[in-house]
C-alpha cells in the first residue's frame, strides 16, 4: 500500500481542513500509511506534521498576512477568499524530505505553497478540490456562467469591468499555466465541480474522478430526538430549523440574506411563531438579525458528538448557499437523518435527493426556500420518510467503507503499489 502525504493549510480549521483530516483518519483506519503536512497545526494527531522550530512557525503566521498585502493591489468587490500563492515556504522542502509515494493536495489558501512549488513536486500528485481555486486565478469561488474567465482563459479583454489595479487574476492563472506542465490527478467531491474542471481552460484535459468527502457515519448517526433536545436545552414540542451562520452575512455566497427572507416569509404563514431556529457556527451577536422566529445560538461546535446532537435535535437543516461544493453541514445532517433544504445549485444536488431526502428550491428563490422548509415541517410522517431516506443514502454514498476503496484505487493506479 503506498505511503501517502496529505498537504493542507490546516488540520482542523475550516470545512476543507475537516474534510481532509476525515479522509486521513479513514485511510489510517483501513491500514494505510497516511501522514498530513500543514502550515497551521491545531490538533494533536501525531501523524499531522506542522512547521518545526520558532522561525518556521513565525513564518507560517506571517505568510497569510504578506499574501493579503499583495492582494490589496487589486481591490475586490466580493469578500470571498483569494490567494495568489506567490510566496515560497518550508512545506516544499518538507515534502522532499518525507518523500512519500503519493502527495494528496487539499486546500492551499493562505500561501501554503507557491504555484511554482506545486509544479516542482516530483511524486505522483492527487489534488482533492475543495473549491474552484486550482483552475481559477486568485478566486476560491468564481461565478459559474458560460463566459466565466476560468472557462475562456484569463485574457486582457475579458477582465471584469469593475476591477481596478493590476490584473492579479490573470497573473496568477498564467503562473499556474506556466508551472503546471504535468497534469495532476484531480478528485472532485461533486459532479458539478468535476464538470467545471472539464470545461475549464486550464485543466479541461486532466484526469478527474468524482469521489465525495468521507464521513464517519458511526459518529454522525440518528439518535433519540428527545434526548438530543434535552441535552441541548431545546423545547421538545417546537419545530426546529437548524442552519449555520459562520461568517454571517459577510459572504454573499453563503446566502444568509436569502435565508433571512425565507424565514420572514415563513413567519407570515405561521403567525403563532412556534418555530425555533438553532444556529451553528456563531455566538449571538450584540444586535441579532431579524429572522422572524426566536433563535438559539450554539456557537462553534468543533466536537463531532455535539454536532451530531444538534442535527438530531432539528427537524430540518437549511443550507441556503448561492454556490457551494459539498458543504459538510448538509452531509452531516443527512447522515443523522435530518432532511436538508437547499437551492438546486452547485454541488447541493449531490447531497439532497429532491423530495426523497430533502427539498431543492429553485436557485435563489427565497419564497421557494420557505416553501421547501414548510413542506418538510407540515407532515410528520413525510418528515420521517425523508429522514430514513437521508440516512440510508448517506451511509451508501459517504461512509468510510464506500470512500476509502475508491481513493486507494486512485493512489494505486499512480504507483502500482
Protein backbone atom coordinates (compact mmCIF):
# COMPACT_ATOMS: atom_id res chain seq x y z
CA UNK A 1 0.00 0.00 0.00
CA UNK A 2 1.50 3.40 -0.96
CA UNK A 3 2.79 5.86 1.63
CA UNK A 4 0.54 8.93 1.49
CA UNK A 5 1.13 12.56 2.41
CA UNK A 6 -1.81 14.98 2.57
CA UNK A 7 -0.87 18.66 2.29
CA UNK A 8 -3.26 21.34 3.55
CA UNK A 9 -3.36 24.79 5.09
CA UNK A 10 -4.62 23.43 8.43
CA UNK A 11 -5.65 20.18 10.03
CA UNK A 12 -8.98 21.24 11.56
CA UNK A 13 -9.65 24.91 10.78
CA UNK A 14 -12.44 25.27 8.23
CA UNK A 15 -14.60 22.83 6.31
CA UNK A 16 -11.94 21.82 3.78
CA UNK A 17 -9.46 21.00 6.55
CA UNK A 18 -12.06 18.94 8.37
CA UNK A 19 -12.80 17.04 5.15
CA UNK A 20 -9.07 16.40 4.66
CA UNK A 21 -8.50 15.13 8.20
CA UNK A 22 -11.52 12.84 7.89
CA UNK A 23 -10.04 11.31 4.75
CA UNK A 24 -6.70 10.85 6.52
CA UNK A 25 -8.35 9.15 9.50
CA UNK A 26 -10.47 6.96 7.25
CA UNK A 27 -7.35 5.81 5.42
CA UNK A 28 -5.50 5.14 8.69
CA UNK A 29 -8.44 3.11 9.97
CA UNK A 30 -8.16 0.98 6.81
CA UNK A 31 -4.47 0.29 7.48
CA UNK A 32 -2.98 2.84 5.09
CA UNK A 33 0.26 4.69 5.87
CA UNK A 34 -1.05 8.25 5.86
CA UNK A 35 0.53 11.46 7.14
CA UNK A 36 -0.53 15.10 6.98
CA UNK A 37 1.61 18.19 6.41
CA UNK A 38 0.07 21.57 7.29
CA UNK A 39 1.05 25.20 7.61
CA UNK A 40 -1.02 25.62 10.79
CA UNK A 41 -1.34 22.64 13.12
CA UNK A 42 -4.16 22.94 15.65
CA UNK A 43 -4.87 19.33 16.70
CA UNK A 44 -2.77 16.72 18.50
CA UNK A 45 -2.65 13.88 15.95
CA UNK A 46 0.99 12.72 15.89
CA UNK A 47 0.65 11.91 12.19
CA UNK A 48 -0.01 15.60 11.46
CA UNK A 49 3.23 17.50 10.88
CA UNK A 50 3.45 21.27 11.18
CA UNK A 51 6.25 23.81 10.92
CA UNK A 52 9.14 22.87 13.20
CA UNK A 53 11.00 25.47 15.22
CA UNK A 54 10.20 29.03 16.20
CA UNK A 55 11.37 30.59 12.93
CA UNK A 56 9.28 28.22 10.82
CA UNK A 57 6.20 28.80 12.97
CA UNK A 58 6.66 32.56 12.78
CA UNK A 59 6.97 32.31 9.00
CA UNK A 60 3.74 30.29 8.83
CA UNK A 61 1.93 33.06 10.70
CA UNK A 62 3.48 35.78 8.52
CA UNK A 63 2.80 34.22 5.13
CA UNK A 64 -1.01 34.77 5.04
CA UNK A 65 -0.50 38.39 6.11
CA UNK A 66 2.05 39.05 3.35
CA UNK A 67 -0.20 37.35 0.83
CA UNK A 68 -3.05 39.69 1.72
CA UNK A 69 -0.82 42.73 1.21
CA UNK A 70 -0.27 41.76 -2.42
CA UNK A 71 -3.98 41.16 -2.95
CA UNK A 72 -4.72 44.71 -1.79
CA UNK A 73 -3.23 45.96 -5.05
CA UNK A 74 -6.42 44.73 -6.71
CA UNK A 75 -9.39 45.71 -4.52
CA UNK A 76 -12.16 43.12 -4.61
CA UNK A 77 -15.85 43.93 -4.61
CA UNK A 78 -16.66 40.50 -3.17
CA UNK A 79 -15.43 39.29 0.25
CA UNK A 80 -14.66 35.74 -0.92
CA UNK A 81 -11.25 34.22 -0.18
CA UNK A 82 -8.46 34.92 -2.68
CA UNK A 83 -4.93 33.51 -2.84
CA UNK A 84 -2.10 34.45 -5.21
CA UNK A 85 0.20 31.64 -3.96
CA UNK A 86 3.38 33.55 -4.76
CA UNK A 87 5.44 33.10 -1.58
CA UNK A 88 7.81 30.10 -1.39
CA UNK A 89 7.91 28.44 2.01
CA UNK A 90 9.12 25.47 4.01
CA UNK A 91 6.48 22.91 3.07
CA UNK A 92 8.09 22.25 -0.31
CA UNK A 93 11.31 21.16 1.40
CA UNK A 94 9.32 19.09 3.90
CA UNK A 95 7.60 17.19 1.07
CA UNK A 96 11.01 16.34 -0.43
CA UNK A 97 12.33 15.24 2.97
CA UNK A 98 9.34 12.99 3.75
CA UNK A 99 9.42 11.60 0.18
CA UNK A 100 6.03 9.81 0.14
CA UNK A 101 4.80 7.59 -2.68
CA UNK A 102 1.85 9.92 -3.38
CA UNK A 103 1.19 13.55 -2.44
CA UNK A 104 -2.50 14.41 -1.99
CA UNK A 105 -3.02 18.18 -2.10
CA UNK A 106 -6.05 19.75 -0.45
CA UNK A 107 -6.98 23.38 0.36
CA UNK A 108 -3.85 25.51 -0.08
CA UNK A 109 -5.08 29.01 0.81
CA UNK A 110 -3.10 31.41 2.97
CA UNK A 111 0.08 30.98 0.87
CA UNK A 112 0.51 27.36 1.97
CA UNK A 113 2.56 26.52 -1.14
CA UNK A 114 3.56 28.74 -4.04
CA UNK A 115 2.36 27.87 -7.52
CA UNK A 116 5.96 27.20 -8.53
CA UNK A 117 6.49 24.86 -5.56
CA UNK A 118 3.42 22.84 -6.52
CA UNK A 119 4.83 22.46 -10.02
CA UNK A 120 8.16 21.18 -8.65
CA UNK A 121 6.68 18.29 -6.65
CA UNK A 122 8.13 15.14 -8.22
CA UNK A 123 5.88 12.50 -6.65
CA UNK A 124 2.60 11.42 -8.26
CA UNK A 125 0.05 14.11 -7.39
CA UNK A 126 -3.59 13.80 -6.42
CA UNK A 127 -5.45 17.04 -5.76
CA UNK A 128 -8.74 16.91 -3.88
CA UNK A 129 -10.63 20.03 -4.97
CA UNK A 130 -12.46 21.68 -2.10
CA UNK A 131 -13.31 24.73 -4.21
CA UNK A 132 -12.53 26.28 -7.62
CA UNK A 133 -9.10 27.82 -6.92
CA UNK A 134 -6.92 25.27 -8.75
CA UNK A 135 -8.39 26.21 -12.16
CA UNK A 136 -9.16 29.90 -11.43
CA UNK A 137 -6.96 32.94 -10.84
CA UNK A 138 -6.80 34.05 -7.21
CA UNK A 139 -10.50 33.28 -6.60
CA UNK A 140 -11.53 30.28 -4.50
CA UNK A 141 -15.05 30.63 -5.86
CA UNK A 142 -15.87 32.41 -9.10
CA UNK A 143 -19.13 32.97 -11.00
CA UNK A 144 -20.26 29.89 -12.91
CA UNK A 145 -21.53 31.07 -16.29
CA UNK A 146 -20.66 30.44 -19.93
CA UNK A 147 -18.30 33.40 -20.30
CA UNK A 148 -16.51 32.97 -16.95
CA UNK A 149 -12.80 33.73 -17.24
CA UNK A 150 -11.86 30.31 -15.86
CA UNK A 151 -13.70 28.82 -18.83
CA UNK A 152 -12.36 31.17 -21.52
CA UNK A 153 -8.89 31.80 -20.12
CA UNK A 154 -7.83 34.95 -18.29
CA UNK A 155 -7.29 37.32 -21.19
CA UNK A 156 -6.78 41.06 -21.12
CA UNK A 157 -10.06 41.66 -22.95
CA UNK A 158 -12.35 39.69 -20.63
CA UNK A 159 -11.46 41.21 -17.28
CA UNK A 160 -14.40 42.14 -15.06
CA UNK A 161 -15.17 45.81 -15.76
CA UNK A 162 -15.43 46.77 -12.09
CA UNK A 163 -11.93 45.54 -11.16
CA UNK A 164 -9.16 48.05 -10.66
CA UNK A 165 -5.41 47.81 -10.25
CA UNK A 166 -3.13 45.12 -11.69
CA UNK A 167 -4.93 42.05 -13.02
CA UNK A 168 -3.83 39.62 -10.32
CA UNK A 169 -6.35 37.04 -11.53
CA UNK A 170 -4.64 36.85 -14.95
CA UNK A 171 -1.15 36.97 -13.41
CA UNK A 172 -1.96 34.09 -11.06
CA UNK A 173 -3.70 31.99 -13.72
CA UNK A 174 -0.82 32.40 -16.16
CA UNK A 175 1.67 31.32 -13.49
CA UNK A 176 -0.40 28.14 -12.98
CA UNK A 177 -0.39 27.61 -16.75
CA UNK A 178 3.39 28.06 -16.89
CA UNK A 179 4.39 25.94 -13.87
CA UNK A 180 1.84 23.12 -14.00
CA UNK A 181 3.01 21.38 -17.15
CA UNK A 182 2.44 17.85 -15.81
CA UNK A 183 -1.28 17.00 -15.47
CA UNK A 184 -2.28 16.06 -11.93
CA UNK A 185 -4.96 13.55 -10.99
CA UNK A 186 -7.93 15.52 -9.67
CA UNK A 187 -10.63 14.38 -7.26
CA UNK A 188 -13.84 16.42 -7.26
CA UNK A 189 -16.25 15.74 -4.38
CA UNK A 190 -19.26 16.63 -6.58
CA UNK A 191 -20.34 16.15 -10.17
CA UNK A 192 -20.78 19.93 -10.51
CA UNK A 193 -17.13 20.63 -9.65
CA UNK A 194 -15.95 17.83 -11.95
CA UNK A 195 -17.97 19.40 -14.78
CA UNK A 196 -16.34 22.76 -14.01
CA UNK A 197 -12.89 21.14 -14.28
CA UNK A 198 -13.78 19.57 -17.64
CA UNK A 199 -14.91 22.93 -19.02
CA UNK A 200 -12.02 24.96 -17.59
CA UNK A 201 -9.34 26.41 -19.84
CA UNK A 202 -6.55 25.27 -17.52
CA UNK A 203 -7.47 21.68 -16.57
CA UNK A 204 -10.03 20.52 -19.14
CA UNK A 205 -7.89 17.57 -20.28
CA UNK A 206 -6.63 16.47 -16.84
CA UNK A 207 -7.95 13.21 -15.34
CA UNK A 208 -10.74 13.85 -12.81
CA UNK A 209 -12.57 11.43 -10.51
CA UNK A 210 -15.79 12.17 -8.62
CA UNK A 211 -15.34 10.92 -5.04
CA UNK A 212 -17.29 12.58 -2.20
CA UNK A 213 -15.65 13.54 1.08
CA UNK A 214 -15.84 10.68 3.59
CA UNK A 215 -17.94 10.94 6.73
CA UNK A 216 -17.84 8.76 9.83
CA UNK A 217 -21.42 7.54 9.73
CA UNK A 218 -21.00 5.82 13.10
CA UNK A 219 -20.46 9.23 14.75
CA UNK A 220 -22.96 11.09 12.57
CA UNK A 221 -25.93 8.81 13.08
CA UNK A 222 -29.56 9.05 14.25
CA UNK A 223 -30.12 9.48 17.99
CA UNK A 224 -33.25 9.81 20.08
CA UNK A 225 -34.56 13.32 19.36
CA UNK A 226 -35.93 13.88 22.85
CA UNK A 227 -32.54 13.06 24.37
CA UNK A 228 -30.71 15.37 21.93
CA UNK A 229 -33.08 18.22 22.70
CA UNK A 230 -32.86 17.65 26.43
CA UNK A 231 -29.04 17.78 26.37
CA UNK A 232 -29.03 21.00 24.30
CA UNK A 233 -31.84 22.68 26.24
CA UNK A 234 -34.23 22.75 23.27
CA UNK A 235 -38.00 22.54 23.90
CA UNK A 236 -39.40 19.15 22.97
CA UNK A 237 -42.57 20.18 21.15
CA UNK A 238 -41.41 23.05 18.93
CA UNK A 239 -40.45 22.61 15.25
CA UNK A 240 -36.70 23.27 14.97
CA UNK A 241 -34.89 24.69 11.93
CA UNK A 242 -31.10 24.41 12.02
CA UNK A 243 -28.62 26.34 9.93
CA UNK A 244 -25.04 27.54 10.10
CA UNK A 245 -24.24 31.24 10.40
CA UNK A 246 -20.44 31.05 10.32
CA UNK A 247 -19.44 34.26 8.61
CA UNK A 248 -22.99 35.55 8.97
CA UNK A 249 -23.96 37.95 6.21
CA UNK A 250 -20.36 38.84 5.30
CA UNK A 251 -20.11 36.30 2.46
CA UNK A 252 -22.98 36.62 -0.05
CA UNK A 253 -22.12 33.18 -1.43
CA UNK A 254 -23.45 31.59 1.76
CA UNK A 255 -26.89 33.10 1.16
CA UNK A 256 -27.73 34.27 4.67
CA UNK A 257 -29.80 37.13 3.19
CA UNK A 258 -31.88 34.64 1.20
CA UNK A 259 -32.39 32.51 4.31
CA UNK A 260 -33.49 35.58 6.22
CA UNK A 261 -36.04 36.44 3.52
CA UNK A 262 -37.31 32.84 3.51
CA UNK A 263 -37.77 32.76 7.29
CA UNK A 264 -39.61 36.08 7.29
CA UNK A 265 -41.99 34.73 4.64
CA UNK A 266 -42.41 31.53 6.63
CA UNK A 267 -43.35 33.64 9.65
CA UNK A 268 -46.21 35.15 7.63
CA UNK A 269 -47.53 31.62 7.14
CA UNK A 270 -47.09 30.67 10.82
CA UNK A 271 -48.24 33.68 12.84
CA UNK A 272 -48.06 31.63 16.03
CA UNK A 273 -44.26 31.86 15.80
CA UNK A 274 -43.92 28.32 17.15
CA UNK A 275 -40.69 27.58 15.24
CA UNK A 276 -37.30 27.74 16.95
CA UNK A 277 -34.17 28.46 14.89
CA UNK A 278 -30.98 26.78 16.08
CA UNK A 279 -27.87 28.49 14.72
CA UNK A 280 -24.46 26.83 14.50
CA UNK A 281 -21.10 28.47 13.99
CA UNK A 282 -21.56 31.81 15.72
CA UNK A 283 -22.31 33.21 19.17
CA UNK A 284 -25.31 35.51 19.46
CA UNK A 285 -24.26 38.96 18.18
CA UNK A 286 -24.91 42.11 20.14
CA UNK A 287 -27.65 43.03 17.65
CA UNK A 288 -29.14 39.76 16.35
CA UNK A 289 -30.67 39.96 12.86
CA UNK A 290 -34.44 39.75 12.50
CA UNK A 291 -35.10 36.22 11.20
CA UNK A 292 -38.78 36.08 12.11
CA UNK A 293 -38.51 33.46 14.87
CA UNK A 294 -36.81 33.00 18.25
CA UNK A 295 -33.26 31.72 17.93
CA UNK A 296 -30.85 29.63 19.98
CA UNK A 297 -27.22 30.44 19.11
CA UNK A 298 -24.99 27.42 19.81
CA UNK A 299 -21.67 28.99 18.79
CA UNK A 300 -18.91 26.99 17.12
CA UNK A 301 -19.16 23.28 17.88
CA UNK A 302 -15.91 21.53 16.95
CA UNK A 303 -16.78 18.26 18.67
CA UNK A 304 -18.40 15.64 16.42
CA UNK A 305 -20.63 14.36 19.22
CA UNK A 306 -22.01 17.84 19.92
CA UNK A 307 -22.62 18.48 16.22
CA UNK A 308 -24.44 15.16 15.87
CA UNK A 309 -26.66 16.11 18.82
CA UNK A 310 -27.56 19.41 17.12
CA UNK A 311 -28.56 17.71 13.87
CA UNK A 312 -30.58 15.11 15.75
CA UNK A 313 -32.41 17.83 17.66
CA UNK A 314 -33.53 19.53 14.42
CA UNK A 315 -36.49 18.80 12.18
CA UNK A 316 -34.80 20.28 9.13
CA UNK A 317 -31.39 21.75 8.22
CA UNK A 318 -31.24 24.63 5.73
CA UNK A 319 -28.19 25.25 3.50
CA UNK A 320 -29.02 28.48 1.58
CA UNK A 321 -25.72 28.82 -0.36
CA UNK A 322 -25.73 30.62 -3.69
CA UNK A 323 -22.78 28.44 -4.74
CA UNK A 324 -21.08 25.62 -2.86
CA UNK A 325 -19.22 22.37 -3.42
CA UNK A 326 -20.11 19.68 -0.84
CA UNK A 327 -20.90 21.60 2.38
CA UNK A 328 -20.46 19.28 5.34
CA UNK A 329 -23.40 20.84 7.16
CA UNK A 330 -25.52 19.10 4.55
CA UNK A 331 -23.80 15.71 4.59
CA UNK A 332 -23.58 15.62 8.40
CA UNK A 333 -27.26 16.46 8.75
CA UNK A 334 -28.30 13.80 6.24
CA UNK A 335 -26.19 11.15 7.99
CA UNK A 336 -28.02 11.98 11.23
CA UNK A 337 -31.36 11.51 9.48
CA UNK A 338 -32.15 15.22 9.25
CA UNK A 339 -33.72 16.36 5.94
CA UNK A 340 -31.93 19.21 4.18
CA UNK A 341 -33.49 22.12 2.27
CA UNK A 342 -31.22 23.96 -0.17
CA UNK A 343 -31.09 25.60 -3.57
CA UNK A 344 -30.70 23.42 -6.65
CA UNK A 345 -27.26 24.81 -7.42
CA UNK A 346 -23.59 23.76 -7.48
CA UNK A 347 -22.86 20.59 -5.52
CA UNK A 348 -26.06 20.66 -3.45
CA UNK A 349 -27.89 18.15 -5.72
CA UNK A 350 -25.16 15.63 -4.80
CA UNK A 351 -26.28 15.98 -1.18
CA UNK A 352 -30.06 16.30 -1.46
CA UNK A 353 -32.27 13.99 -3.50
CA UNK A 354 -35.30 16.19 -4.14
CA UNK A 355 -38.39 15.15 -2.14
CA UNK A 356 -36.66 11.90 -1.13
CA UNK A 357 -34.06 13.12 1.39
CA UNK A 358 -34.99 16.82 1.49
CA UNK A 359 -36.02 19.62 -0.84
CA UNK A 360 -34.23 21.57 -3.58
CA UNK A 361 -35.68 25.02 -4.23
CA UNK A 362 -35.22 26.94 -7.49
CA UNK A 363 -31.92 28.85 -7.30
CA UNK A 364 -32.04 32.00 -5.20
CA UNK A 365 -35.85 31.90 -4.81
CA UNK A 366 -36.43 32.82 -1.16
CA UNK A 367 -40.11 32.02 -1.45
CA UNK A 368 -39.24 28.59 -2.85
CA UNK A 369 -36.85 28.03 0.05
CA UNK A 370 -39.61 28.91 2.51
CA UNK A 371 -41.94 26.56 0.66
CA UNK A 372 -39.43 23.74 0.99
CA UNK A 373 -38.99 24.28 4.73
CA UNK A 374 -42.77 24.31 5.22
CA UNK A 375 -43.12 21.17 3.08
CA UNK A 376 -40.74 19.26 5.35
CA UNK A 377 -42.31 20.52 8.59
CA UNK A 378 -46.01 20.24 7.77
CA UNK A 379 -46.28 16.42 7.65
CA UNK A 380 -44.52 14.42 10.43
CA UNK A 381 -44.91 11.11 8.55
CA UNK A 382 -43.33 12.64 5.44
CA UNK A 383 -40.54 14.10 7.52
CA UNK A 384 -39.82 10.63 8.97
CA UNK A 385 -39.66 9.13 5.46
CA UNK A 386 -37.24 11.85 4.39
CA UNK A 387 -35.12 11.18 7.48
CA UNK A 388 -34.90 7.47 6.76
CA UNK A 389 -34.03 8.12 3.12
CA UNK A 390 -31.37 10.65 4.08
CA UNK A 391 -29.68 8.27 6.50
CA UNK A 392 -29.68 5.34 4.08
CA UNK A 393 -28.28 7.45 1.27
CA UNK A 394 -25.57 8.96 3.48
CA UNK A 395 -24.30 5.52 4.50
CA UNK A 396 -24.37 4.32 0.90
CA UNK A 397 -22.53 7.34 -0.54
CA UNK A 398 -20.25 8.82 2.13
CA UNK A 399 -19.27 6.16 4.69
CA UNK A 400 -15.62 5.21 5.16
CA UNK A 401 -16.32 1.75 3.72
CA UNK A 402 -17.53 3.36 0.50
CA UNK A 403 -14.97 6.14 0.04
CA UNK A 404 -11.66 4.59 1.16
CA UNK A 405 -11.51 1.86 -1.53
CA UNK A 406 -12.15 4.46 -4.23
CA UNK A 407 -9.27 6.66 -3.05
CA UNK A 408 -6.97 3.65 -2.72
CA UNK A 409 -7.77 2.68 -6.31
CA UNK A 410 -6.68 6.16 -7.44
CA UNK A 411 -3.44 6.02 -5.41
CA UNK A 412 -2.57 2.52 -6.64
CA UNK A 413 -3.21 3.47 -10.26
CA UNK A 414 -0.43 6.07 -9.91
CA UNK A 415 2.08 3.89 -8.06
CA UNK A 416 1.16 0.26 -8.79
CA UNK A 417 1.82 -0.47 -5.09
